[in-house]
N, C-alpha and C. Protein backbone atom coordinates (compact mmCIF):
# COMPACT_ATOMS: atom_id res chain seq x y z
N MET A 1 64.47 107.10 90.41
CA MET A 1 65.68 106.24 90.20
C MET A 1 66.85 107.13 89.38
N PHE A 2 66.30 107.94 88.47
CA PHE A 2 67.42 108.74 87.86
C PHE A 2 68.13 109.64 88.71
N LYS A 3 67.43 110.17 89.68
CA LYS A 3 67.86 111.15 90.57
C LYS A 3 68.95 110.48 91.50
N LYS A 4 68.77 109.17 91.84
CA LYS A 4 69.64 108.43 92.69
C LYS A 4 70.83 108.16 91.94
N THR A 5 70.69 107.85 90.74
CA THR A 5 71.91 107.53 89.84
C THR A 5 72.77 108.64 89.65
N LEU A 6 72.15 109.84 89.45
CA LEU A 6 72.91 110.94 89.34
C LEU A 6 73.53 111.38 90.54
N GLU A 7 72.94 111.19 91.71
CA GLU A 7 73.70 111.46 92.99
C GLU A 7 74.86 110.64 93.08
N THR A 8 74.56 109.41 92.73
CA THR A 8 75.75 108.26 92.88
C THR A 8 76.95 108.58 92.01
N PHE A 9 76.79 109.00 90.83
CA PHE A 9 77.87 109.56 89.84
C PHE A 9 78.40 111.02 90.50
N LYS A 10 77.54 111.59 90.95
CA LYS A 10 78.25 112.96 91.56
C LYS A 10 79.23 112.62 92.81
N TYR A 11 78.86 111.63 93.58
CA TYR A 11 79.84 111.21 94.70
C TYR A 11 80.99 110.56 94.05
N MET A 12 80.79 109.73 92.99
CA MET A 12 81.90 109.01 92.52
C MET A 12 82.82 110.06 91.91
N PHE A 13 82.33 111.05 91.30
CA PHE A 13 83.30 112.11 90.67
C PHE A 13 83.90 112.87 91.64
N LEU A 14 83.20 113.19 92.76
CA LEU A 14 83.76 113.89 93.89
C LEU A 14 85.02 112.98 94.46
N ASP A 15 84.74 111.78 94.68
CA ASP A 15 85.69 110.80 95.10
C ASP A 15 86.88 110.84 94.28
N ILE A 16 86.71 110.91 92.95
CA ILE A 16 87.77 110.80 92.01
C ILE A 16 88.79 111.99 92.17
N ILE A 17 87.94 113.19 92.30
CA ILE A 17 88.73 114.44 92.58
C ILE A 17 89.44 114.25 93.83
N ALA A 18 88.95 113.87 94.97
CA ALA A 18 89.57 113.63 96.23
C ALA A 18 90.83 112.87 96.15
N ILE A 19 90.76 111.78 95.42
CA ILE A 19 91.97 110.92 95.45
C ILE A 19 92.88 111.35 94.50
N SER A 20 92.60 111.98 93.36
CA SER A 20 93.49 112.68 92.57
C SER A 20 94.22 113.83 93.28
N LEU A 21 93.38 114.54 94.15
CA LEU A 21 94.12 115.71 94.77
C LEU A 21 95.14 115.14 95.78
N SER A 22 94.86 113.99 96.32
CA SER A 22 95.88 113.36 97.53
C SER A 22 97.05 113.04 96.72
N TYR A 23 97.00 112.50 95.39
CA TYR A 23 98.26 112.10 94.74
C TYR A 23 98.92 113.21 94.25
N ILE A 24 98.25 114.38 93.77
CA ILE A 24 98.88 115.74 93.34
C ILE A 24 99.70 116.23 94.52
N PHE A 25 99.06 116.28 95.75
CA PHE A 25 99.67 116.75 97.00
C PHE A 25 100.85 116.11 97.25
N ALA A 26 100.63 114.69 97.17
CA ALA A 26 101.94 113.85 97.65
C ALA A 26 103.06 114.14 96.61
N LEU A 27 102.73 114.30 95.32
CA LEU A 27 103.78 114.57 94.29
C LEU A 27 104.42 115.90 94.63
N LEU A 28 103.72 116.73 94.92
CA LEU A 28 104.13 118.15 95.38
C LEU A 28 105.27 118.08 96.61
N VAL A 29 104.91 117.30 97.61
CA VAL A 29 105.63 117.11 98.77
C VAL A 29 107.04 116.37 98.32
N LEU A 30 106.80 115.26 97.62
CA LEU A 30 108.03 114.56 97.11
C LEU A 30 108.94 115.40 96.32
N ASN A 31 108.41 116.37 95.42
CA ASN A 31 109.03 117.22 94.74
C ASN A 31 109.80 118.19 95.55
N ARG A 32 109.12 118.60 96.58
CA ARG A 32 109.86 119.45 97.54
C ARG A 32 111.02 119.05 98.09
N PHE A 33 110.99 117.66 98.39
CA PHE A 33 112.23 117.23 98.95
C PHE A 33 113.15 116.51 98.05
N ASP A 34 113.04 116.81 96.77
CA ASP A 34 113.90 116.43 95.57
C ASP A 34 113.80 115.06 95.39
N PHE A 35 112.80 114.35 95.65
CA PHE A 35 112.50 112.96 95.11
C PHE A 35 112.27 112.95 93.77
N GLU A 36 113.00 111.96 93.10
CA GLU A 36 112.68 111.77 91.45
C GLU A 36 111.62 110.90 91.30
N PHE A 37 110.75 111.13 90.35
CA PHE A 37 109.54 110.23 89.96
C PHE A 37 109.44 110.52 88.46
N ASN A 38 108.81 109.36 87.88
CA ASN A 38 108.31 109.51 86.47
C ASN A 38 106.90 109.93 86.56
N ALA A 39 106.58 111.16 86.13
CA ALA A 39 105.15 111.67 86.11
C ALA A 39 104.28 110.84 85.19
N THR A 40 104.72 110.39 84.14
CA THR A 40 103.75 109.71 83.37
C THR A 40 103.37 108.25 84.07
N ALA A 41 104.40 107.72 84.70
CA ALA A 41 104.11 106.41 85.43
C ALA A 41 103.15 106.64 86.56
N VAL A 42 103.42 107.72 87.19
CA VAL A 42 102.59 108.01 88.35
C VAL A 42 101.06 108.25 87.80
N PHE A 43 100.99 108.91 86.75
CA PHE A 43 99.66 109.24 86.15
C PHE A 43 98.82 107.94 85.91
N GLN A 44 99.66 107.08 85.12
CA GLN A 44 99.12 105.80 84.74
C GLN A 44 98.66 104.97 85.94
N GLY A 45 99.73 104.78 86.97
CA GLY A 45 99.40 103.95 88.17
C GLY A 45 98.20 104.62 88.86
N ALA A 46 98.34 105.95 89.06
CA ALA A 46 97.35 106.54 89.95
C ALA A 46 95.83 106.29 89.29
N THR A 47 95.70 106.41 87.89
CA THR A 47 94.57 106.24 87.18
C THR A 47 93.85 104.91 87.53
N ILE A 48 94.68 103.90 87.37
CA ILE A 48 94.29 102.42 87.67
C ILE A 48 93.81 102.37 89.05
N ILE A 49 94.68 102.86 90.05
CA ILE A 49 94.32 102.84 91.48
C ILE A 49 93.00 103.51 91.56
N ILE A 50 92.72 104.68 91.09
CA ILE A 50 91.60 105.39 91.49
C ILE A 50 90.29 104.61 90.88
N ILE A 51 90.47 104.05 89.70
CA ILE A 51 89.45 103.34 89.18
C ILE A 51 89.13 102.07 90.11
N LEU A 52 89.97 101.24 90.50
CA LEU A 52 89.86 100.31 91.55
C LEU A 52 89.27 100.75 92.98
N LYS A 53 89.77 101.86 93.22
CA LYS A 53 89.18 102.29 94.58
C LYS A 53 87.59 102.67 94.40
N ILE A 54 87.27 103.23 93.40
CA ILE A 54 85.96 103.63 93.10
C ILE A 54 85.05 102.26 93.03
N MET A 55 85.69 101.23 92.29
CA MET A 55 84.92 100.13 92.26
C MET A 55 84.87 99.30 93.45
N ILE A 56 85.85 99.45 94.39
CA ILE A 56 85.80 98.89 95.85
C ILE A 56 84.72 99.63 96.58
N PHE A 57 84.71 100.86 96.56
CA PHE A 57 83.59 101.78 97.35
C PHE A 57 82.45 101.32 96.79
N ALA A 58 82.10 101.09 95.48
CA ALA A 58 80.84 100.80 95.03
C ALA A 58 80.46 99.29 95.50
N LEU A 59 81.38 98.44 95.55
CA LEU A 59 81.30 97.00 96.05
C LEU A 59 80.84 97.11 97.50
N PHE A 60 81.49 97.96 98.44
CA PHE A 60 81.17 97.99 99.80
C PHE A 60 79.94 98.97 100.03
N ARG A 61 79.36 99.34 98.80
CA ARG A 61 77.98 100.18 99.02
C ARG A 61 78.11 101.50 99.80
N VAL A 62 79.33 102.15 99.47
CA VAL A 62 79.61 103.42 100.00
C VAL A 62 78.61 104.49 99.39
N TYR A 63 78.26 104.20 98.09
CA TYR A 63 77.43 105.28 97.58
C TYR A 63 76.05 105.01 97.65
N ASP A 64 75.74 104.04 98.55
CA ASP A 64 74.08 103.81 98.84
C ASP A 64 73.95 104.65 100.16
N ILE A 65 75.13 105.13 100.79
CA ILE A 65 74.82 105.96 102.01
C ILE A 65 74.08 107.13 101.58
N ILE A 66 73.06 107.41 102.30
CA ILE A 66 72.34 108.78 102.16
C ILE A 66 73.15 109.92 102.87
N PRO A 67 73.60 110.84 101.97
CA PRO A 67 74.44 111.89 102.39
C PRO A 67 73.95 112.69 103.52
N LYS A 68 72.56 112.90 103.41
CA LYS A 68 72.13 114.04 104.53
C LYS A 68 71.90 113.21 105.95
N TYR A 69 72.19 111.97 106.03
CA TYR A 69 72.09 111.21 107.22
C TYR A 69 73.41 110.64 107.54
N ILE A 70 74.52 110.87 106.97
CA ILE A 70 75.73 110.39 107.17
C ILE A 70 76.12 110.67 108.66
N GLY A 71 76.78 109.57 109.31
CA GLY A 71 77.16 109.66 110.61
C GLY A 71 78.54 109.30 110.80
N PHE A 72 78.97 109.00 112.07
CA PHE A 72 80.29 108.64 112.34
C PHE A 72 80.51 107.25 111.92
N ASP A 73 79.64 106.25 111.94
CA ASP A 73 79.78 104.95 111.39
C ASP A 73 80.16 104.79 109.98
N GLU A 74 79.35 105.81 109.21
CA GLU A 74 79.81 105.71 107.75
C GLU A 74 80.98 106.43 107.42
N ILE A 75 81.29 107.54 108.09
CA ILE A 75 82.67 108.26 107.88
C ILE A 75 83.76 107.16 108.25
N PHE A 76 83.51 106.52 109.35
CA PHE A 76 84.66 105.36 109.83
C PHE A 76 84.77 104.31 108.72
N THR A 77 83.57 103.86 108.07
CA THR A 77 83.69 102.88 107.20
C THR A 77 84.46 103.44 105.88
N ILE A 78 84.17 104.51 105.41
CA ILE A 78 84.90 105.24 104.30
C ILE A 78 86.31 105.39 104.59
N ALA A 79 86.72 105.88 105.73
CA ALA A 79 88.22 105.94 106.19
C ALA A 79 88.82 104.62 106.25
N LEU A 80 88.23 103.50 106.73
CA LEU A 80 88.63 102.25 106.79
C LEU A 80 88.82 101.65 105.35
N ILE A 81 88.09 101.88 104.50
CA ILE A 81 88.18 101.18 103.25
C ILE A 81 89.20 101.98 102.51
N SER A 82 89.43 103.31 102.66
CA SER A 82 90.45 104.12 102.06
C SER A 82 91.78 103.56 102.59
N PHE A 83 92.00 103.36 103.90
CA PHE A 83 93.14 102.92 104.56
C PHE A 83 93.53 101.75 103.92
N LEU A 84 92.58 100.63 103.98
CA LEU A 84 92.85 99.26 103.60
C LEU A 84 93.17 99.15 102.03
N THR A 85 92.62 99.97 101.24
CA THR A 85 92.93 99.96 99.83
C THR A 85 94.34 100.52 99.57
N SER A 86 94.78 101.51 100.30
CA SER A 86 95.94 102.24 100.27
C SER A 86 97.14 101.09 100.57
N THR A 87 96.69 100.28 101.70
CA THR A 87 97.66 99.31 102.34
C THR A 87 97.82 98.26 101.36
N ILE A 88 96.76 97.98 100.67
CA ILE A 88 96.82 96.83 99.59
C ILE A 88 97.86 97.51 98.45
N VAL A 89 97.80 98.61 98.09
CA VAL A 89 98.63 99.15 96.88
C VAL A 89 100.05 99.16 97.50
N VAL A 90 100.34 99.62 98.69
CA VAL A 90 101.73 99.49 99.20
C VAL A 90 102.27 98.01 99.31
N ILE A 91 101.48 97.16 99.58
CA ILE A 91 101.89 95.65 99.57
C ILE A 91 102.10 95.30 98.18
N PHE A 92 101.38 95.68 97.26
CA PHE A 92 101.54 95.41 95.77
C PHE A 92 102.89 95.88 95.31
N ILE A 93 102.98 97.04 95.54
CA ILE A 93 104.34 97.91 95.23
C ILE A 93 105.55 97.10 95.88
N SER A 94 105.33 96.84 97.16
CA SER A 94 106.51 96.12 97.77
C SER A 94 106.70 94.64 97.08
N VAL A 95 105.77 93.84 96.81
CA VAL A 95 105.91 92.58 96.15
C VAL A 95 106.35 92.55 94.80
N PHE A 96 105.64 93.38 94.04
CA PHE A 96 105.89 93.46 92.56
C PHE A 96 106.93 94.77 92.28
N PRO A 97 107.83 94.45 91.25
CA PRO A 97 108.73 95.50 91.03
C PRO A 97 108.00 96.66 90.19
N VAL A 98 107.19 97.40 90.76
CA VAL A 98 106.30 98.41 90.06
C VAL A 98 107.02 99.65 90.35
N GLU A 99 107.53 100.46 89.18
CA GLU A 99 108.05 101.67 89.43
C GLU A 99 107.19 102.72 89.09
N PHE A 100 106.31 103.18 89.99
CA PHE A 100 105.48 104.31 89.87
C PHE A 100 105.44 105.41 90.87
N ILE A 101 105.36 105.06 92.13
CA ILE A 101 105.54 105.81 93.21
C ILE A 101 106.27 105.22 94.40
N PHE A 102 106.81 106.19 95.23
CA PHE A 102 107.63 105.58 96.47
C PHE A 102 106.49 105.09 97.44
N ARG A 103 106.87 103.88 98.14
CA ARG A 103 105.90 103.53 99.25
C ARG A 103 105.56 104.53 100.19
N THR A 104 106.79 105.37 100.64
CA THR A 104 106.55 106.36 101.60
C THR A 104 105.61 107.40 101.35
N ALA A 105 105.31 107.60 99.98
CA ALA A 105 104.45 108.65 99.47
C ALA A 105 103.08 108.29 100.10
N TYR A 106 102.70 107.13 100.37
CA TYR A 106 101.37 106.80 101.07
C TYR A 106 101.29 107.26 102.47
N TYR A 107 102.32 107.65 103.06
CA TYR A 107 102.16 108.38 104.42
C TYR A 107 101.60 109.74 104.18
N VAL A 108 101.64 110.31 103.10
CA VAL A 108 101.13 111.63 102.72
C VAL A 108 99.65 111.21 102.00
N ILE A 109 99.67 110.37 101.08
CA ILE A 109 98.45 110.15 100.22
C ILE A 109 97.25 109.75 101.31
N THR A 110 97.58 108.80 101.91
CA THR A 110 96.39 108.10 102.81
C THR A 110 95.55 109.07 103.69
N PRO A 111 96.35 109.90 104.64
CA PRO A 111 95.58 110.74 105.38
C PRO A 111 94.85 111.83 104.50
N ILE A 112 95.61 112.34 103.62
CA ILE A 112 94.95 113.35 102.74
C ILE A 112 93.76 112.81 102.02
N GLU A 113 93.89 111.58 101.40
CA GLU A 113 92.70 110.90 100.82
C GLU A 113 91.62 110.81 101.78
N ILE A 114 91.97 110.20 103.00
CA ILE A 114 90.80 110.11 104.00
C ILE A 114 90.18 111.38 104.34
N ILE A 115 90.76 112.44 104.54
CA ILE A 115 90.30 113.59 104.87
C ILE A 115 89.34 114.20 103.64
N LEU A 116 89.79 114.23 102.55
CA LEU A 116 89.16 114.62 101.37
C LEU A 116 87.81 113.84 101.09
N LEU A 117 88.04 112.51 101.23
CA LEU A 117 86.81 111.72 100.99
C LEU A 117 85.71 112.02 101.89
N CYS A 118 86.01 112.14 103.13
CA CYS A 118 85.07 112.57 104.22
C CYS A 118 84.57 113.86 104.21
N LEU A 119 85.49 114.84 103.75
CA LEU A 119 85.11 116.16 103.96
C LEU A 119 83.93 116.58 103.18
N HIS A 120 83.74 116.34 101.75
CA HIS A 120 82.68 116.70 101.09
C HIS A 120 81.39 116.12 101.62
N ARG A 121 81.41 114.96 102.20
CA ARG A 121 80.28 114.30 102.67
C ARG A 121 79.87 115.13 103.92
N ILE A 122 80.85 115.44 104.90
CA ILE A 122 80.44 116.12 106.02
C ILE A 122 79.94 117.46 105.70
N PHE A 123 80.60 118.06 104.59
CA PHE A 123 80.03 119.35 104.26
C PHE A 123 78.71 119.36 103.78
N TYR A 124 78.27 118.40 103.12
CA TYR A 124 76.90 118.22 102.73
C TYR A 124 75.98 118.12 103.82
N ARG A 125 76.44 117.19 104.74
CA ARG A 125 75.56 117.13 105.87
C ARG A 125 75.32 118.39 106.63
N ILE A 126 76.35 119.10 106.87
CA ILE A 126 76.33 120.41 107.49
C ILE A 126 75.43 121.38 106.73
N SER A 127 75.73 121.43 105.43
CA SER A 127 74.90 122.42 104.74
C SER A 127 73.47 122.14 104.61
N ASN A 128 73.23 120.72 104.67
CA ASN A 128 71.75 120.20 104.65
C ASN A 128 71.11 120.45 106.18
N TYR A 129 71.87 120.57 107.01
CA TYR A 129 71.41 120.83 108.46
C TYR A 129 70.92 122.27 108.55
N PHE A 130 71.78 123.21 107.89
CA PHE A 130 71.43 124.61 107.95
C PHE A 130 70.22 124.78 107.09
N LYS A 131 70.25 124.15 105.99
CA LYS A 131 69.08 124.37 105.05
C LYS A 131 67.61 124.02 105.69
N THR A 132 67.81 122.92 106.53
CA THR A 132 66.47 122.43 107.02
C THR A 132 66.34 123.39 108.28
N SER A 133 67.17 123.76 109.06
CA SER A 133 67.03 124.74 110.27
C SER A 133 66.50 126.04 109.74
N ASN A 134 67.01 126.46 108.50
CA ASN A 134 66.17 127.78 108.07
C ASN A 134 64.75 127.42 107.64
N LYS A 135 64.42 126.47 107.02
CA LYS A 135 63.06 126.07 106.56
C LYS A 135 62.28 126.08 107.90
N LEU A 136 62.91 125.56 109.01
CA LEU A 136 62.01 125.26 110.26
C LEU A 136 61.93 126.72 110.75
N LEU A 137 62.87 127.62 110.75
CA LEU A 137 62.62 128.89 111.37
C LEU A 137 61.54 129.76 110.69
N LYS A 138 61.85 129.60 109.27
CA LYS A 138 60.87 130.29 108.29
C LYS A 138 59.29 129.80 108.29
N SER A 139 59.13 128.50 108.68
CA SER A 139 58.02 127.89 108.60
C SER A 139 56.91 128.43 109.59
N ILE A 140 55.71 128.35 109.08
CA ILE A 140 54.45 128.81 109.90
C ILE A 140 53.87 127.70 110.47
N GLY A 141 54.07 127.29 111.74
CA GLY A 141 53.66 125.86 112.30
C GLY A 141 52.79 126.11 113.58
N ARG A 142 52.12 125.22 113.97
CA ARG A 142 51.64 125.33 115.33
C ARG A 142 52.65 125.22 116.51
N LYS A 143 52.54 125.98 117.32
CA LYS A 143 53.62 125.72 118.45
C LYS A 143 53.38 124.60 119.20
N THR A 144 54.44 123.68 119.47
CA THR A 144 54.16 122.50 120.01
C THR A 144 55.14 122.14 121.16
N LEU A 145 54.74 121.50 122.22
CA LEU A 145 55.66 121.13 123.32
C LEU A 145 55.74 119.58 123.03
N VAL A 146 56.98 119.08 123.14
CA VAL A 146 57.23 117.59 122.93
C VAL A 146 57.54 117.01 124.45
N ILE A 147 56.77 116.07 124.79
CA ILE A 147 56.96 115.46 126.06
C ILE A 147 57.90 114.23 126.11
N GLY A 148 58.77 114.43 127.14
CA GLY A 148 59.88 113.36 127.07
C GLY A 148 61.13 113.65 126.67
N ALA A 149 62.25 113.53 127.14
CA ALA A 149 63.47 113.90 126.62
C ALA A 149 64.46 112.87 126.21
N GLY A 150 63.87 111.81 125.81
CA GLY A 150 64.75 110.60 125.50
C GLY A 150 65.13 110.65 124.03
N GLN A 151 65.21 109.29 123.72
CA GLN A 151 65.71 109.06 121.96
C GLN A 151 64.46 109.38 121.07
N ALA A 152 63.23 109.01 121.74
CA ALA A 152 62.13 109.24 120.80
C ALA A 152 61.99 110.68 120.64
N CYS A 153 62.27 111.46 121.61
CA CYS A 153 62.14 112.87 121.54
C CYS A 153 62.99 113.57 120.43
N GLU A 154 64.20 113.00 120.55
CA GLU A 154 65.29 113.41 119.50
C GLU A 154 64.80 113.07 118.05
N MET A 155 64.26 111.76 117.81
CA MET A 155 63.83 111.41 116.66
C MET A 155 62.64 112.34 116.11
N VAL A 156 61.73 112.68 117.02
CA VAL A 156 60.56 113.48 116.72
C VAL A 156 61.04 114.84 116.30
N LEU A 157 61.89 115.42 116.91
CA LEU A 157 62.56 116.84 116.69
C LEU A 157 63.16 116.69 115.37
N LYS A 158 64.08 115.65 114.88
CA LYS A 158 64.61 115.54 113.75
C LYS A 158 63.72 115.48 112.61
N GLU A 159 62.57 114.69 112.93
CA GLU A 159 61.57 114.49 111.90
C GLU A 159 60.91 115.83 111.53
N LEU A 160 60.51 116.63 112.58
CA LEU A 160 59.83 117.87 112.56
C LEU A 160 60.65 118.84 111.80
N LYS A 161 62.05 118.75 111.98
CA LYS A 161 63.05 119.60 110.99
C LYS A 161 62.99 119.21 109.71
N ARG A 162 62.96 117.96 109.38
CA ARG A 162 63.25 117.38 108.08
C ARG A 162 62.06 117.54 107.20
N ASN A 163 60.82 117.19 107.76
CA ASN A 163 59.61 117.18 107.02
C ASN A 163 58.75 118.41 107.02
N SER A 164 58.91 119.06 105.93
CA SER A 164 58.18 120.55 105.98
C SER A 164 56.73 120.41 105.87
N LYS A 165 56.18 119.16 105.56
CA LYS A 165 54.84 118.99 105.48
C LYS A 165 54.04 118.82 106.80
N ILE A 166 54.86 118.72 107.83
CA ILE A 166 54.32 118.56 109.36
C ILE A 166 54.12 119.97 109.66
N ASP A 167 53.09 120.26 110.01
CA ASP A 167 52.66 121.59 110.48
C ASP A 167 52.83 122.06 111.90
N LEU A 168 53.87 121.65 112.45
CA LEU A 168 54.32 121.65 113.96
C LEU A 168 55.61 122.44 114.18
N PHE A 169 55.61 123.25 115.10
CA PHE A 169 57.00 124.09 115.34
C PHE A 169 57.41 123.83 116.91
N PRO A 170 58.36 122.99 117.26
CA PRO A 170 58.65 122.76 118.46
C PRO A 170 59.19 123.94 119.23
N VAL A 171 58.56 124.37 120.40
CA VAL A 171 59.05 125.43 121.20
C VAL A 171 59.76 125.10 122.38
N GLY A 172 59.46 123.71 122.85
CA GLY A 172 60.03 123.37 124.10
C GLY A 172 59.85 122.04 124.33
N ILE A 173 60.56 121.40 125.34
CA ILE A 173 60.29 119.89 125.82
C ILE A 173 59.93 119.90 127.21
N LEU A 174 59.14 119.05 127.68
CA LEU A 174 58.77 118.88 128.96
C LEU A 174 59.20 117.35 129.37
N ASP A 175 59.93 117.43 130.53
CA ASP A 175 60.53 116.06 131.11
C ASP A 175 60.77 116.17 132.57
N ASP A 176 60.44 115.11 133.24
CA ASP A 176 60.48 115.18 134.75
C ASP A 176 62.03 114.81 135.09
N ASP A 177 62.87 114.55 134.36
CA ASP A 177 64.33 114.05 134.76
C ASP A 177 65.07 115.34 135.08
N GLU A 178 66.30 115.12 135.40
CA GLU A 178 67.09 116.26 135.76
C GLU A 178 67.74 116.96 134.58
N LYS A 179 67.30 116.73 133.37
CA LYS A 179 67.71 117.35 132.23
C LYS A 179 67.22 118.99 132.15
N ILE A 180 66.48 119.48 132.95
CA ILE A 180 65.84 120.59 132.81
C ILE A 180 66.96 121.84 132.61
N GLY A 181 66.69 122.61 131.45
CA GLY A 181 67.65 123.66 131.17
C GLY A 181 68.60 123.28 129.95
N SER A 182 68.90 121.92 129.76
CA SER A 182 69.66 121.62 128.76
C SER A 182 68.70 121.53 127.33
N ARG A 183 69.55 121.26 126.33
CA ARG A 183 68.83 121.27 125.11
C ARG A 183 69.06 120.15 124.25
N ILE A 184 67.95 119.62 123.50
CA ILE A 184 68.15 118.58 122.52
C ILE A 184 67.77 119.17 121.18
N ASN A 185 68.68 119.06 120.24
CA ASN A 185 68.62 119.39 118.81
C ASN A 185 68.18 121.18 118.93
N GLY A 186 68.79 121.87 119.78
CA GLY A 186 68.65 123.21 119.80
C GLY A 186 67.30 123.63 120.68
N ILE A 187 66.47 122.65 120.89
CA ILE A 187 65.02 122.82 121.63
C ILE A 187 65.34 122.70 123.14
N LYS A 188 64.89 123.78 123.90
CA LYS A 188 65.26 123.77 125.53
C LYS A 188 64.20 122.84 126.26
N ILE A 189 64.77 122.12 127.11
CA ILE A 189 63.89 121.37 128.04
C ILE A 189 63.42 122.40 129.12
N LEU A 190 62.11 122.65 129.16
CA LEU A 190 61.51 123.85 129.84
C LEU A 190 61.36 123.34 131.27
N GLY A 191 60.89 122.16 131.54
CA GLY A 191 60.58 121.76 132.96
C GLY A 191 59.70 120.54 132.94
N GLY A 192 59.26 120.09 134.12
CA GLY A 192 58.55 118.77 134.25
C GLY A 192 57.12 118.81 133.94
N LEU A 193 56.53 117.70 133.90
CA LEU A 193 55.17 117.57 133.27
C LEU A 193 54.10 118.28 134.50
N MET A 194 54.48 118.17 135.83
CA MET A 194 53.73 118.68 136.85
C MET A 194 53.71 120.27 136.97
N LYS A 195 54.67 120.78 136.37
CA LYS A 195 54.81 122.28 136.75
C LYS A 195 53.98 123.09 135.87
């Protein structure tokens, strides 16, 4: 339980950094084009927005996503929530006379924010893949052929890579379909069952 809470706070902290960096980058761009802004007002407004975004992410259970299994659906959800919260901020700035940042700055802030919010999660997923792949290569297990090259085969191969307690090392796949020679999760389809 403590480890899960610590992991949640780690991702909240990384998200705070990602959102903050998107605002800093936007201010640098605005400064480059000689837009005037009140740095104190931007800092205060951005602080409130960051806290609200983190709360909305928590409300939509973004921090319940298991990072090592993150996929396109989760990345899309994070991007969508980020986009919608930025849109709400722009609407709020348009309706109420709040002088803290230009609405056009969100053309810079939003894509940078989405990229940074997704980047550290994708990086974790990629690094976890290479960690488990190295463990698989280093492990001493019984050489195993997997029969069938469908979705069940893919699930079996993923489980064999993730679970170091299983003493099996997949060396190939047997399947009667036309898939011979292609690979699933790096394991080659060797041939049919009758060969």
